[in-house]
Structure formats: structure tokens, C-alpha cells
N, C-alpha and C. Protein backbone atom coordinates (compact mmCIF):
# COMPACT_ATOMS: atom_id res chain seq x y z
N MET A 1 -13.04 23.17 -19.19
CA MET A 1 -14.21 24.01 -18.99
C MET A 1 -14.51 24.15 -17.50
N VAL A 2 -14.81 25.35 -17.08
CA VAL A 2 -15.13 25.61 -15.68
C VAL A 2 -16.60 25.26 -15.44
N PRO A 3 -16.90 24.52 -14.37
CA PRO A 3 -18.29 24.12 -14.12
C PRO A 3 -19.13 25.25 -13.52
N TYR A 4 -19.84 25.97 -14.36
CA TYR A 4 -20.68 27.08 -13.92
C TYR A 4 -22.07 26.63 -13.48
N ASP A 5 -22.44 25.40 -13.81
CA ASP A 5 -23.81 24.97 -13.58
C ASP A 5 -24.25 25.10 -12.13
N ARG A 6 -23.40 24.79 -11.18
CA ARG A 6 -23.80 24.89 -9.77
C ARG A 6 -24.08 26.34 -9.38
N CYS A 7 -23.25 27.23 -9.86
CA CYS A 7 -23.45 28.66 -9.58
C CYS A 7 -24.79 29.13 -10.16
N PHE A 8 -25.04 28.77 -11.41
CA PHE A 8 -26.28 29.21 -12.05
C PHE A 8 -27.50 28.59 -11.38
N ARG A 9 -27.40 27.31 -10.98
CA ARG A 9 -28.52 26.69 -10.28
C ARG A 9 -28.78 27.38 -8.94
N THR A 10 -27.71 27.78 -8.28
CA THR A 10 -27.85 28.49 -7.01
C THR A 10 -28.55 29.82 -7.21
N LEU A 11 -28.15 30.55 -8.23
CA LEU A 11 -28.73 31.87 -8.49
C LEU A 11 -30.10 31.81 -9.17
N ALA A 12 -30.51 30.64 -9.60
CA ALA A 12 -31.80 30.51 -10.29
C ALA A 12 -32.98 30.53 -9.32
N ASN A 13 -32.72 30.54 -8.04
CA ASN A 13 -33.76 30.52 -7.04
C ASN A 13 -34.13 31.95 -6.62
N PRO A 14 -35.38 32.35 -6.79
CA PRO A 14 -35.77 33.73 -6.47
C PRO A 14 -35.51 34.13 -5.02
N LEU A 15 -35.72 33.22 -4.08
CA LEU A 15 -35.48 33.54 -2.67
C LEU A 15 -34.00 33.84 -2.45
N ARG A 16 -33.13 33.07 -3.06
CA ARG A 16 -31.69 33.30 -2.90
C ARG A 16 -31.27 34.65 -3.48
N ILE A 17 -31.86 35.02 -4.59
CA ILE A 17 -31.55 36.33 -5.19
C ILE A 17 -32.02 37.44 -4.25
N ARG A 18 -33.20 37.29 -3.67
CA ARG A 18 -33.72 38.30 -2.75
C ARG A 18 -32.84 38.41 -1.50
N ILE A 19 -32.32 37.28 -1.03
CA ILE A 19 -31.40 37.30 0.11
C ILE A 19 -30.14 38.07 -0.24
N ILE A 20 -29.58 37.80 -1.40
CA ILE A 20 -28.37 38.51 -1.84
C ILE A 20 -28.64 40.01 -1.91
N GLU A 21 -29.78 40.38 -2.46
CA GLU A 21 -30.11 41.80 -2.56
C GLU A 21 -30.19 42.46 -1.17
N LEU A 22 -30.76 41.77 -0.19
CA LEU A 22 -30.83 42.33 1.16
C LEU A 22 -29.45 42.39 1.81
N LEU A 23 -28.65 41.36 1.61
CA LEU A 23 -27.33 41.33 2.23
C LEU A 23 -26.35 42.31 1.58
N LYS A 24 -26.69 42.82 0.40
CA LYS A 24 -25.86 43.88 -0.20
C LYS A 24 -25.91 45.13 0.67
N LYS A 25 -27.04 45.33 1.35
CA LYS A 25 -27.22 46.52 2.19
C LYS A 25 -26.47 46.41 3.51
N ARG A 26 -26.59 45.23 4.16
CA ARG A 26 -25.92 45.02 5.45
C ARG A 26 -26.09 43.57 5.90
N PRO A 27 -25.22 43.12 6.81
CA PRO A 27 -25.35 41.76 7.36
C PRO A 27 -26.64 41.63 8.19
N MET A 28 -27.19 40.41 8.20
CA MET A 28 -28.43 40.17 8.94
C MET A 28 -28.48 38.74 9.46
N ALA A 29 -29.29 38.54 10.50
CA ALA A 29 -29.56 37.21 11.04
C ALA A 29 -30.72 36.58 10.27
N VAL A 30 -30.89 35.28 10.44
CA VAL A 30 -31.96 34.56 9.74
C VAL A 30 -33.33 35.13 10.07
N GLY A 31 -33.57 35.43 11.34
CA GLY A 31 -34.87 35.97 11.74
C GLY A 31 -35.21 37.27 11.05
N GLU A 32 -34.24 38.15 10.96
CA GLU A 32 -34.48 39.44 10.30
C GLU A 32 -34.70 39.25 8.80
N LEU A 33 -33.91 38.37 8.20
CA LEU A 33 -34.11 38.08 6.77
C LEU A 33 -35.51 37.50 6.55
N SER A 34 -35.92 36.57 7.41
CA SER A 34 -37.24 35.95 7.29
C SER A 34 -38.35 36.99 7.33
N LYS A 35 -38.24 37.93 8.28
CA LYS A 35 -39.26 38.98 8.39
C LYS A 35 -39.30 39.85 7.14
N GLN A 36 -38.13 40.30 6.70
CA GLN A 36 -38.10 41.20 5.54
C GLN A 36 -38.53 40.50 4.26
N LEU A 37 -38.28 39.20 4.18
CA LEU A 37 -38.65 38.45 2.98
C LEU A 37 -40.05 37.87 3.08
N ASN A 38 -40.64 37.93 4.28
CA ASN A 38 -41.93 37.30 4.52
C ASN A 38 -41.88 35.82 4.12
N ALA A 39 -40.83 35.15 4.59
CA ALA A 39 -40.60 33.75 4.26
C ALA A 39 -40.33 32.96 5.54
N GLU A 40 -40.61 31.67 5.49
CA GLU A 40 -40.35 30.81 6.65
C GLU A 40 -38.86 30.76 6.95
N ARG A 41 -38.54 30.72 8.24
CA ARG A 41 -37.14 30.65 8.67
C ARG A 41 -36.43 29.44 8.06
N SER A 42 -37.12 28.30 8.01
CA SER A 42 -36.49 27.08 7.49
C SER A 42 -36.11 27.25 6.02
N LYS A 43 -36.97 27.91 5.24
CA LYS A 43 -36.65 28.14 3.83
C LYS A 43 -35.48 29.11 3.68
N VAL A 44 -35.46 30.15 4.50
CA VAL A 44 -34.35 31.11 4.46
C VAL A 44 -33.05 30.43 4.87
N SER A 45 -33.11 29.61 5.92
CA SER A 45 -31.92 28.89 6.38
C SER A 45 -31.38 27.96 5.30
N HIS A 46 -32.29 27.26 4.63
CA HIS A 46 -31.87 26.35 3.55
C HIS A 46 -31.24 27.14 2.40
N ALA A 47 -31.84 28.26 2.05
CA ALA A 47 -31.30 29.09 0.97
C ALA A 47 -29.92 29.63 1.35
N LEU A 48 -29.75 30.05 2.60
CA LEU A 48 -28.46 30.54 3.07
C LEU A 48 -27.40 29.44 3.04
N LYS A 49 -27.81 28.23 3.37
CA LYS A 49 -26.87 27.10 3.32
C LYS A 49 -26.34 26.91 1.90
N LYS A 50 -27.23 26.95 0.93
CA LYS A 50 -26.82 26.80 -0.48
C LYS A 50 -25.92 27.95 -0.91
N LEU A 51 -26.27 29.17 -0.53
CA LEU A 51 -25.45 30.34 -0.87
C LEU A 51 -24.07 30.26 -0.22
N LYS A 52 -24.04 29.72 0.99
CA LYS A 52 -22.76 29.57 1.70
C LYS A 52 -21.90 28.49 1.03
N GLU A 53 -22.52 27.40 0.59
CA GLU A 53 -21.79 26.33 -0.09
C GLU A 53 -21.11 26.83 -1.36
N CYS A 54 -21.70 27.81 -2.00
CA CYS A 54 -21.15 28.36 -3.24
C CYS A 54 -20.37 29.65 -3.00
N ASN A 55 -20.07 29.94 -1.74
CA ASN A 55 -19.25 31.10 -1.37
C ASN A 55 -19.84 32.45 -1.75
N PHE A 56 -21.15 32.54 -1.76
CA PHE A 56 -21.80 33.84 -1.95
C PHE A 56 -21.94 34.55 -0.62
N VAL A 57 -22.20 33.78 0.44
CA VAL A 57 -22.36 34.36 1.77
C VAL A 57 -21.45 33.66 2.77
N GLU A 58 -21.23 34.36 3.89
CA GLU A 58 -20.49 33.78 5.01
C GLU A 58 -21.26 34.13 6.27
N SER A 59 -20.95 33.43 7.35
CA SER A 59 -21.64 33.71 8.61
C SER A 59 -20.63 33.89 9.73
N GLU A 60 -21.07 34.66 10.72
CA GLU A 60 -20.25 34.93 11.89
C GLU A 60 -21.15 34.78 13.11
N ARG A 61 -20.69 34.03 14.08
CA ARG A 61 -21.46 33.83 15.31
C ARG A 61 -21.33 35.07 16.20
N ARG A 62 -22.47 35.66 16.56
CA ARG A 62 -22.50 36.79 17.49
C ARG A 62 -23.49 36.45 18.60
N GLY A 63 -22.96 36.03 19.72
CA GLY A 63 -23.83 35.58 20.81
C GLY A 63 -24.57 34.33 20.39
N LYS A 64 -25.90 34.39 20.45
CA LYS A 64 -26.69 33.22 20.05
C LYS A 64 -27.14 33.28 18.59
N TYR A 65 -26.71 34.28 17.86
CA TYR A 65 -27.14 34.45 16.46
C TYR A 65 -26.00 34.20 15.47
N ASN A 66 -26.36 33.66 14.32
CA ASN A 66 -25.44 33.63 13.18
C ASN A 66 -25.80 34.82 12.31
N ILE A 67 -24.84 35.67 12.06
CA ILE A 67 -25.07 36.84 11.23
C ILE A 67 -24.49 36.55 9.86
N TYR A 68 -25.32 36.70 8.85
CA TYR A 68 -24.92 36.40 7.47
C TYR A 68 -24.59 37.68 6.72
N SER A 69 -23.59 37.57 5.87
CA SER A 69 -23.20 38.70 5.02
C SER A 69 -22.67 38.14 3.71
N LEU A 70 -22.63 39.00 2.70
CA LEU A 70 -22.00 38.59 1.45
C LEU A 70 -20.51 38.42 1.71
N THR A 71 -19.88 37.48 1.02
CA THR A 71 -18.44 37.31 1.19
C THR A 71 -17.74 38.56 0.68
N LYS A 72 -16.56 38.79 1.18
CA LYS A 72 -15.80 39.98 0.78
C LYS A 72 -15.54 40.00 -0.73
N SER A 73 -15.29 38.84 -1.32
CA SER A 73 -15.04 38.81 -2.77
C SER A 73 -16.29 39.17 -3.56
N VAL A 74 -17.46 38.72 -3.10
CA VAL A 74 -18.71 39.07 -3.78
C VAL A 74 -18.98 40.56 -3.63
N LEU A 75 -18.82 41.09 -2.42
CA LEU A 75 -19.01 42.53 -2.21
C LEU A 75 -18.06 43.34 -3.07
N ASN A 76 -16.82 42.91 -3.15
CA ASN A 76 -15.82 43.61 -3.96
C ASN A 76 -16.20 43.57 -5.43
N ASP A 77 -16.64 42.41 -5.92
CA ASP A 77 -17.04 42.30 -7.33
C ASP A 77 -18.19 43.24 -7.64
N VAL A 78 -19.15 43.33 -6.73
CA VAL A 78 -20.30 44.20 -6.94
C VAL A 78 -19.85 45.66 -7.01
N LYS A 79 -18.93 46.05 -6.11
CA LYS A 79 -18.46 47.44 -6.07
C LYS A 79 -17.54 47.79 -7.23
N VAL A 80 -16.62 46.89 -7.56
CA VAL A 80 -15.59 47.19 -8.56
C VAL A 80 -16.05 46.89 -9.98
N LYS A 81 -16.64 45.73 -10.17
CA LYS A 81 -16.97 45.28 -11.53
C LYS A 81 -18.38 45.63 -11.96
N GLY A 82 -19.17 46.09 -11.05
CA GLY A 82 -20.56 46.38 -11.40
C GLY A 82 -21.47 45.33 -10.82
N ASN A 83 -22.73 45.50 -11.01
CA ASN A 83 -23.72 44.63 -10.41
C ASN A 83 -24.40 43.79 -11.47
N ILE A 84 -24.07 42.51 -11.50
CA ILE A 84 -24.67 41.62 -12.49
C ILE A 84 -26.18 41.51 -12.31
N PHE A 85 -26.65 41.72 -11.08
CA PHE A 85 -28.08 41.62 -10.84
C PHE A 85 -28.85 42.74 -11.54
N ASP A 86 -28.23 43.89 -11.67
CA ASP A 86 -28.86 44.98 -12.44
C ASP A 86 -28.96 44.60 -13.91
N VAL A 87 -27.94 43.93 -14.43
CA VAL A 87 -27.97 43.48 -15.82
C VAL A 87 -29.10 42.48 -16.01
N ILE A 88 -29.22 41.52 -15.09
CA ILE A 88 -30.28 40.52 -15.17
C ILE A 88 -31.65 41.20 -15.05
N LYS A 89 -31.78 42.14 -14.12
CA LYS A 89 -33.05 42.85 -13.92
C LYS A 89 -33.46 43.59 -15.19
N THR A 90 -32.53 44.28 -15.82
CA THR A 90 -32.81 45.00 -17.06
C THR A 90 -33.27 44.04 -18.15
N HIS A 91 -32.59 42.91 -18.25
CA HIS A 91 -32.97 41.91 -19.25
C HIS A 91 -34.39 41.41 -19.00
N VAL A 92 -34.68 41.07 -17.76
CA VAL A 92 -36.01 40.56 -17.42
C VAL A 92 -37.08 41.60 -17.72
N GLU A 93 -36.84 42.85 -17.33
CA GLU A 93 -37.83 43.90 -17.58
C GLU A 93 -38.04 44.15 -19.07
N LYS A 94 -36.98 44.01 -19.84
CA LYS A 94 -37.07 44.28 -21.27
C LYS A 94 -37.68 43.13 -22.05
N TYR A 95 -37.28 41.90 -21.72
CA TYR A 95 -37.67 40.76 -22.55
C TYR A 95 -38.66 39.80 -21.91
N CYS A 96 -38.83 39.84 -20.61
CA CYS A 96 -39.60 38.79 -19.95
C CYS A 96 -40.85 39.28 -19.24
N LYS A 97 -41.14 40.54 -19.33
CA LYS A 97 -42.29 41.08 -18.62
C LYS A 97 -43.58 40.38 -19.09
N ASN A 98 -44.33 39.86 -18.12
CA ASN A 98 -45.61 39.20 -18.39
C ASN A 98 -45.52 38.04 -19.37
N LYS A 99 -44.38 37.37 -19.38
CA LYS A 99 -44.23 36.20 -20.25
C LYS A 99 -43.79 35.03 -19.40
N ARG A 100 -44.13 33.84 -19.84
CA ARG A 100 -43.71 32.64 -19.12
C ARG A 100 -42.28 32.28 -19.46
N ARG A 101 -41.84 32.60 -20.65
CA ARG A 101 -40.49 32.26 -21.07
C ARG A 101 -39.77 33.50 -21.55
N CYS A 102 -38.49 33.49 -21.31
CA CYS A 102 -37.64 34.60 -21.75
C CYS A 102 -37.22 34.39 -23.19
N ARG A 103 -37.17 35.46 -23.95
CA ARG A 103 -36.63 35.35 -25.30
C ARG A 103 -35.39 36.23 -25.38
N VAL A 104 -34.42 35.75 -26.07
CA VAL A 104 -33.15 36.47 -26.14
C VAL A 104 -33.11 37.33 -27.38
């Protein structure tokens, strides 16, 4: 059996999902992500570290900044196979709106 639990735990964090959604558009530095997410830099940095550990994002040093982007394999999966986040969003809107628990 393939251990999916780490991947699902990583994606279960709302801040990490929001980061992925922003990085789908273009690469960004921590400061820019923090501003757009209205979140503390330390929280964004921690979330990026977790996403990087699971190979969702990668970073490139540009001068004094680390620029984060989705990994090429993640970007390719989104373009070729479709967007799993849209599937999750549809499910949440259909079954979880204004509820504490999701029903399947």
C-alpha cells in the first residue's frame, strides 16, 4: 500500500491549499504570498516548508529572495489530468456548505 496519509495531511491545511492556488498563477516570494493571503510570514514560510517536503512546491534563489513555484510535475498534472482542487471545491460546495461535517 502506498502511504497517502502524509500527502492528505499536507493538503488538509487551508493555508497550504490557498498557497497552491496562488502558485498555480505564477511563482512568488514569501512576502508577496503573505500579503495576498493576509497571513503572517512565519506561517506562510512554515506552510511552504511542508509543501516543499512533499514535493508540491520548489524554490529558486533570486538575489536575496527565495521564489516559490509549483513543481513541474504538479503543474503538469494540473494541466494534463485536470484540477483535483476543482473536484474538491465542487464537493465542498455541494455537500459541506454551512455544515461542520462533510457528508458523502
